[in-house]
Protein backbone atom coordinates (compact mmCIF):
# COMPACT_ATOMS: atom_id res chain seq x y z
CA MET A 1 -11.14 19.68 -67.27
CA GLY A 2 -9.79 20.40 -63.80
CA LEU A 3 -10.08 23.63 -61.87
CA VAL A 4 -8.60 26.63 -63.63
CA THR A 5 -7.32 30.00 -62.46
CA THR A 6 -9.16 33.18 -63.41
CA LYS A 7 -6.31 34.38 -65.64
CA GLU A 8 -7.67 33.24 -69.02
CA MET A 9 -11.26 33.98 -67.97
CA PHE A 10 -10.38 37.58 -67.20
CA GLU A 11 -8.31 38.07 -70.35
CA LYS A 12 -11.33 37.05 -72.42
CA SER A 13 -13.73 39.14 -70.34
CA MET A 14 -11.63 42.28 -70.80
CA LYS A 15 -11.26 41.69 -74.52
CA GLU A 16 -14.95 40.93 -75.15
CA HIS A 17 -16.47 43.24 -72.50
CA PHE A 18 -18.46 40.89 -70.31
CA ALA A 19 -18.26 39.99 -66.64
CA ILE A 20 -17.90 36.63 -64.94
CA GLY A 21 -20.16 35.81 -62.03
CA ALA A 22 -18.51 34.81 -58.78
CA PHE A 23 -21.09 32.96 -56.73
CA ASN A 24 -20.71 32.20 -53.03
CA VAL A 25 -21.49 28.66 -51.94
CA ASN A 26 -21.67 26.96 -48.57
CA ASN A 27 -23.65 23.78 -49.18
CA MET A 28 -24.26 21.12 -51.81
CA GLU A 29 -27.53 22.50 -53.15
CA VAL A 30 -26.18 25.97 -53.89
CA LEU A 31 -23.06 24.52 -55.49
CA GLN A 32 -25.12 22.20 -57.69
CA ALA A 33 -27.39 25.06 -58.72
CA VAL A 34 -24.47 27.31 -59.72
CA VAL A 35 -22.61 24.61 -61.65
CA ASP A 36 -25.75 23.35 -63.39
CA ALA A 37 -26.54 26.92 -64.45
CA ALA A 38 -23.02 27.41 -65.80
CA LYS A 39 -23.25 24.15 -67.72
CA GLU A 40 -26.62 25.03 -69.28
CA GLU A 41 -25.51 28.57 -70.14
CA LYS A 42 -22.06 27.42 -71.33
CA SER A 43 -20.58 30.09 -69.10
CA PRO A 44 -17.28 30.23 -67.22
CA VAL A 45 -17.91 30.52 -63.51
CA ILE A 46 -16.10 31.36 -60.29
CA ILE A 47 -17.15 29.38 -57.26
CA GLN A 48 -16.18 31.19 -54.11
CA ALA A 49 -16.31 30.50 -50.41
CA SER A 50 -15.78 32.87 -47.52
CA SER A 51 -13.91 31.94 -44.38
CA SER A 52 -17.19 31.43 -42.53
CA ALA A 53 -18.53 29.26 -45.36
CA ILE A 54 -15.41 27.11 -45.15
CA LYS A 55 -15.88 26.83 -41.40
CA TYR A 56 -19.52 25.82 -41.92
CA ALA A 57 -19.03 23.32 -44.75
CA ARG A 58 -15.56 22.13 -43.61
CA ILE A 59 -12.82 22.40 -46.17
CA ASN A 60 -12.46 18.66 -46.90
CA TYR A 61 -16.18 18.33 -47.63
CA LEU A 62 -16.09 21.48 -49.73
CA MET A 63 -13.14 20.29 -51.81
CA LYS A 64 -14.77 16.91 -52.48
CA MET A 65 -17.98 18.60 -53.61
CA ILE A 66 -15.97 20.88 -55.91
CA GLU A 67 -14.19 17.81 -57.29
CA ALA A 68 -17.56 16.26 -58.12
CA ALA A 69 -18.75 19.49 -59.72
CA VAL A 70 -15.71 19.67 -61.97
CA GLU A 71 -16.22 16.07 -63.06
CA GLU A 72 -19.80 16.82 -64.14
CA THR A 73 -19.12 19.71 -66.50
CA ASP A 74 -16.61 20.92 -69.05
CA VAL A 75 -17.06 24.67 -68.49
CA PRO A 76 -14.14 26.52 -66.88
CA ILE A 77 -14.49 26.62 -63.09
CA ALA A 78 -12.22 28.57 -60.75
CA LEU A 79 -12.31 28.08 -56.98
CA HIS A 80 -11.80 31.32 -55.07
CA LEU A 81 -11.43 32.35 -51.43
CA ASP A 82 -13.66 35.35 -50.79
CA HIS A 83 -12.45 37.96 -48.29
CA GLY A 84 -9.44 36.20 -46.86
CA ALA A 85 -8.72 38.15 -43.71
CA ASP A 86 -5.09 37.17 -43.20
CA PHE A 87 -2.15 35.29 -44.69
CA GLU A 88 -2.97 32.08 -42.80
CA ILE A 89 -6.43 31.52 -44.33
CA CYS A 90 -5.05 32.30 -47.79
CA LYS A 91 -2.25 29.78 -47.25
CA THR A 92 -4.73 27.15 -46.03
CA CYS A 93 -6.87 27.54 -49.14
CA ILE A 94 -3.91 27.59 -51.52
CA ASP A 95 -2.53 24.42 -49.95
CA ALA A 96 -5.98 22.78 -50.14
CA GLY A 97 -6.30 23.35 -53.90
CA PHE A 98 -8.01 26.71 -54.38
CA THR A 99 -6.91 28.28 -57.67
CA SER A 100 -7.57 31.87 -56.58
CA VAL A 101 -7.59 33.72 -53.26
CA MET A 102 -8.58 37.15 -52.11
CA ILE A 103 -6.57 38.87 -49.44
CA ASP A 104 -8.68 41.66 -48.01
CA GLY A 105 -6.38 44.20 -46.41
CA SER A 106 -8.77 47.09 -46.98
CA LYS A 107 -9.24 47.58 -43.24
CA TYR A 108 -5.55 48.49 -42.91
CA ASP A 109 -3.81 51.66 -44.00
CA PHE A 110 -2.29 51.73 -47.47
CA GLU A 111 1.22 50.57 -46.56
CA GLU A 112 -0.02 47.71 -44.37
CA ASN A 113 -2.39 46.61 -47.14
CA VAL A 114 0.48 46.65 -49.63
CA ALA A 115 2.75 44.59 -47.35
CA LEU A 116 0.10 41.97 -46.55
CA THR A 117 -1.03 41.65 -50.15
CA LYS A 118 2.52 41.32 -51.42
CA LYS A 119 3.20 38.51 -48.91
CA VAL A 120 0.16 36.56 -50.14
CA VAL A 121 1.04 37.22 -53.79
CA GLU A 122 4.54 35.83 -53.33
CA TYR A 123 3.25 32.63 -51.71
CA ALA A 124 0.40 32.18 -54.19
CA HIS A 125 2.32 32.88 -57.39
CA ALA A 126 5.01 30.39 -56.42
CA ARG A 127 2.25 27.76 -56.44
CA GLY A 128 0.41 28.84 -59.57
CA VAL A 129 -2.45 30.55 -57.72
CA VAL A 130 -3.77 34.03 -58.58
CA VAL A 131 -4.58 36.77 -56.07
CA GLU A 132 -7.36 39.33 -55.79
CA ALA A 133 -6.83 42.29 -53.48
CA GLU A 134 -9.02 45.19 -52.37
CA LEU A 135 -8.49 48.93 -52.18
CA GLY A 136 -11.24 51.10 -50.71
CA LYS A 137 -13.86 50.06 -48.18
CA LEU A 138 -17.36 48.77 -48.89
CA ALA A 139 -20.02 49.37 -46.28
CA GLY A 140 -22.41 46.65 -45.12
CA VAL A 141 -22.54 43.35 -43.32
CA GLU A 142 -21.96 39.92 -44.81
CA ASP A 143 -20.38 36.94 -43.06
CA ASP A 144 -17.17 38.25 -41.43
CA VAL A 145 -17.31 41.62 -43.20
CA ASN A 146 -18.82 44.43 -41.12
CA VAL A 147 -18.11 48.02 -42.13
CA ALA A 148 -20.17 51.00 -40.96
CA SER A 149 -21.34 53.34 -43.72
CA SER A 150 -19.40 56.16 -42.06
CA ASP A 151 -16.18 54.16 -42.54
CA ALA A 152 -16.75 53.33 -46.22
CA MET A 153 -14.50 55.03 -48.76
CA TYR A 154 -14.18 55.10 -52.53
CA THR A 155 -11.11 53.75 -54.27
CA ASN A 156 -8.51 56.33 -55.27
CA PRO A 157 -7.51 55.65 -58.92
CA ASP A 158 -3.96 56.93 -58.45
CA GLN A 159 -3.50 54.75 -55.38
CA ALA A 160 -4.95 51.81 -57.30
CA LYS A 161 -2.17 52.04 -59.90
CA GLU A 162 0.53 52.25 -57.23
CA PHE A 163 -1.05 49.41 -55.27
CA VAL A 164 -1.12 46.98 -58.20
CA ASP A 165 2.39 47.94 -59.29
CA ARG A 166 3.82 47.37 -55.82
CA THR A 167 1.93 44.21 -54.86
CA GLY A 168 1.73 42.33 -58.16
CA CYS A 169 -1.87 41.31 -57.43
CA ASP A 170 -3.73 39.79 -60.38
CA SER A 171 -7.09 41.55 -59.93
CA LEU A 172 -8.37 44.41 -57.84
CA ALA A 173 -11.68 44.87 -56.01
CA ILE A 174 -12.65 48.53 -55.94
CA ALA A 175 -15.22 50.57 -54.05
CA ILE A 176 -17.56 52.61 -56.26
CA GLY A 177 -20.73 52.56 -54.18
CA THR A 178 -21.78 48.94 -53.79
CA SER A 179 -22.10 47.43 -50.30
CA HIS A 180 -22.43 44.06 -48.65
CA GLY A 181 -25.70 42.53 -47.53
CA ALA A 182 -29.34 43.17 -48.45
CA TYR A 183 -29.50 46.87 -47.57
CA LYS A 184 -27.20 48.51 -50.11
CA PHE A 185 -29.04 51.78 -50.71
CA LYS A 186 -31.43 53.86 -48.62
CA GLY A 187 -32.37 56.14 -51.49
CA GLU A 188 -31.71 55.94 -55.21
CA ALA A 189 -29.11 53.39 -56.26
CA LYS A 190 -25.98 55.04 -57.58
CA LEU A 191 -22.55 53.78 -58.60
CA ARG A 192 -19.50 55.93 -59.30
CA PHE A 193 -18.82 54.90 -62.87
CA ASP A 194 -16.50 57.91 -63.15
CA ILE A 195 -14.17 56.26 -60.63
CA LEU A 196 -14.37 52.95 -62.49
CA LYS A 197 -13.43 54.72 -65.73
CA LYS A 198 -10.42 56.41 -64.13
CA VAL A 199 -9.26 53.14 -62.55
CA LYS A 200 -9.46 51.36 -65.91
CA GLU A 201 -7.52 54.18 -67.56
CA LYS A 202 -4.77 53.71 -65.00
CA LEU A 203 -4.98 49.90 -65.06
CA PRO A 204 -6.17 48.86 -68.54
CA ASN A 205 -4.81 45.33 -68.20
CA THR A 206 -5.89 44.62 -64.62
CA PRO A 207 -9.20 42.81 -64.07
CA ILE A 208 -11.52 44.86 -61.86
CA VAL A 209 -13.88 43.26 -59.32
CA LEU A 210 -17.17 44.44 -57.82
CA HIS A 211 -18.08 43.14 -54.37
CA GLY A 212 -21.47 43.65 -52.76
CA ALA A 213 -23.16 43.46 -56.14
CA SER A 214 -26.33 41.44 -55.57
CA THR A 215 -29.48 42.91 -57.10
CA VAL A 216 -31.50 41.99 -53.99
CA ILE A 217 -34.24 40.88 -56.38
CA PRO A 218 -37.53 42.47 -55.24
CA GLU A 219 -39.63 39.40 -56.07
CA LEU A 220 -37.50 37.26 -53.77
CA VAL A 221 -37.72 39.80 -50.96
CA GLU A 222 -41.51 39.97 -51.41
CA THR A 223 -41.81 36.18 -51.25
CA CYS A 224 -39.70 36.00 -48.09
CA ASN A 225 -41.79 38.68 -46.41
CA LYS A 226 -45.07 37.17 -47.64
CA TYR A 227 -44.29 33.90 -45.93
CA GLY A 228 -43.13 35.24 -42.59
CA GLY A 229 -39.84 36.95 -43.34
CA ASN A 230 -38.84 40.32 -41.94
CA ILE A 231 -36.52 42.10 -44.37
CA PRO A 232 -38.30 45.37 -45.19
CA GLY A 233 -36.57 48.02 -47.25
CA ALA A 234 -33.93 45.70 -48.71
CA LYS A 235 -32.47 47.19 -51.87
CA GLY A 236 -29.57 46.17 -54.12
CA VAL A 237 -27.77 47.11 -57.32
CA PRO A 238 -30.16 47.13 -60.31
CA ASP A 239 -29.41 44.71 -63.13
CA GLU A 240 -28.99 47.63 -65.55
CA MET A 241 -26.14 49.06 -63.49
CA LEU A 242 -24.41 45.69 -63.24
CA ASN A 243 -24.75 45.24 -66.98
CA GLU A 244 -23.21 48.67 -67.54
CA ALA A 245 -20.37 47.75 -65.20
CA SER A 246 -19.72 44.57 -67.19
CA HIS A 247 -19.39 46.67 -70.34
CA SER A 248 -17.22 49.27 -68.61
CA GLY A 249 -14.29 47.15 -67.53
CA VAL A 250 -15.51 45.05 -64.59
CA SER A 251 -14.43 41.43 -65.08
CA LYS A 252 -15.78 39.79 -61.91
CA ILE A 253 -19.06 40.50 -60.13
CA ASN A 254 -19.74 38.88 -56.76
CA VAL A 255 -23.16 37.45 -55.91
CA ASP A 256 -24.12 36.06 -52.51
CA THR A 257 -27.21 37.76 -51.08
CA ASP A 258 -29.35 36.96 -54.13
CA LEU A 259 -28.58 33.25 -53.75
CA ARG A 260 -29.48 33.34 -50.07
CA LEU A 261 -32.74 35.10 -50.86
CA ALA A 262 -33.58 32.62 -53.63
CA MET A 263 -33.05 29.63 -51.39
CA THR A 264 -34.78 31.11 -48.34
CA SER A 265 -37.81 32.41 -50.24
CA GLU A 266 -38.54 28.97 -51.71
CA ILE A 267 -38.06 27.17 -48.42
CA LYS A 268 -40.40 29.60 -46.68
CA ARG A 269 -42.97 29.18 -49.46
CA VAL A 270 -42.94 25.39 -49.22
CA PHE A 271 -43.19 25.46 -45.43
CA ALA A 272 -46.21 27.77 -45.66
CA GLU A 273 -48.01 26.04 -48.55
CA GLU A 274 -47.17 22.46 -47.56
CA PRO A 275 -47.04 22.40 -43.76
CA GLU A 276 -47.15 18.63 -43.81
CA ALA A 277 -43.76 18.47 -45.61
CA PHE A 278 -40.86 17.32 -43.45
CA ASP A 279 -38.63 15.60 -46.00
CA PRO A 280 -35.73 18.04 -46.65
CA ARG A 281 -35.76 17.08 -50.33
CA LYS A 282 -39.29 18.48 -50.61
CA TYR A 283 -38.09 22.01 -49.85
CA LEU A 284 -34.43 21.87 -50.87
CA THR A 285 -35.22 20.75 -54.42
CA PRO A 286 -37.35 23.81 -55.32
CA ALA A 287 -34.86 25.99 -53.45
CA ARG A 288 -32.02 24.60 -55.56
CA ASP A 289 -34.07 25.16 -58.72
CA LYS A 290 -34.73 28.78 -57.77
CA VAL A 291 -31.02 29.43 -57.16
CA LYS A 292 -30.23 27.93 -60.58
CA GLU A 293 -32.85 30.14 -62.21
CA ILE A 294 -31.32 33.26 -60.66
CA VAL A 295 -27.76 32.29 -61.63
CA LYS A 296 -28.80 31.60 -65.23
CA HIS A 297 -30.49 35.00 -65.37
CA LYS A 298 -27.31 36.69 -64.14
CA MET A 299 -25.11 34.89 -66.65
CA ARG A 300 -27.41 35.37 -69.61
CA ASP A 301 -29.06 38.75 -69.11
CA VAL A 302 -26.80 40.73 -66.78
CA PHE A 303 -23.18 39.64 -67.08
CA GLU A 304 -23.55 38.33 -70.65
CA SER A 305 -21.14 35.46 -69.99
CA SER A 306 -23.38 32.85 -71.62
CA ASN A 307 -21.74 30.93 -74.47
CA LYS A 308 -18.32 32.32 -73.49
CA ALA A 309 -16.91 29.11 -72.02
């Protein structure tokens, strides 16, 4: 099985009320962990790379690693550009073989976002590639995304309907209270499920996406801090809320921070407990295993995508 688009994945997710995990990768170990987890859980999976991840890994290396991953498993795998900032990066990824791209025009006003998204949709659809767009602004910092909390705004359900109708985008990322990075909430975690419900009423056949949806697993944060890290007060979206979202019409949930924490916590632990270790395989192997463990947990217990391939 070659790479697929997200079209059939999302149709099944909306019909059966589960979400598909979209996991950010930027090196071989994380990619292996995600794909191995999907294979063991028999779960469809979306592999995604941001512009900065592509710059880091280099697109030719990334595509060859994806090719190897596809050869090793028979679960559906889509390759997605996360937060494409402009038409050019979307075009580059489409031409390179990505099966899905996100054009993030949320920083622009409504009409500019519509125009940019429509341009990407026209180019992508002509080549069999699907497009995710975003309406509303998520706060937080992650890779090239940096939005102050004062600039964040919830998605307007009426605008969402008009936006999808005018652009022809295949899925829509909405803002209901999640945020990028490890510091999502200062107080009690809260998501605007009322907005999600209204958006789904307006767009019953459009897959909805949640960005900034890592749990920021407390055990991983504690391990990082125990072994020399400095990330106090990090807080994410509880698993229970993500599970509710998956049952309430969200088809795609993005995970990046949790994978970074899983890898970093294990590397820090090995460095502290085995200071004599200098072979990268000694610390990258347990790091890869921890990432796989976290991805399997998400698929099985949170998104409920296991056995849906």
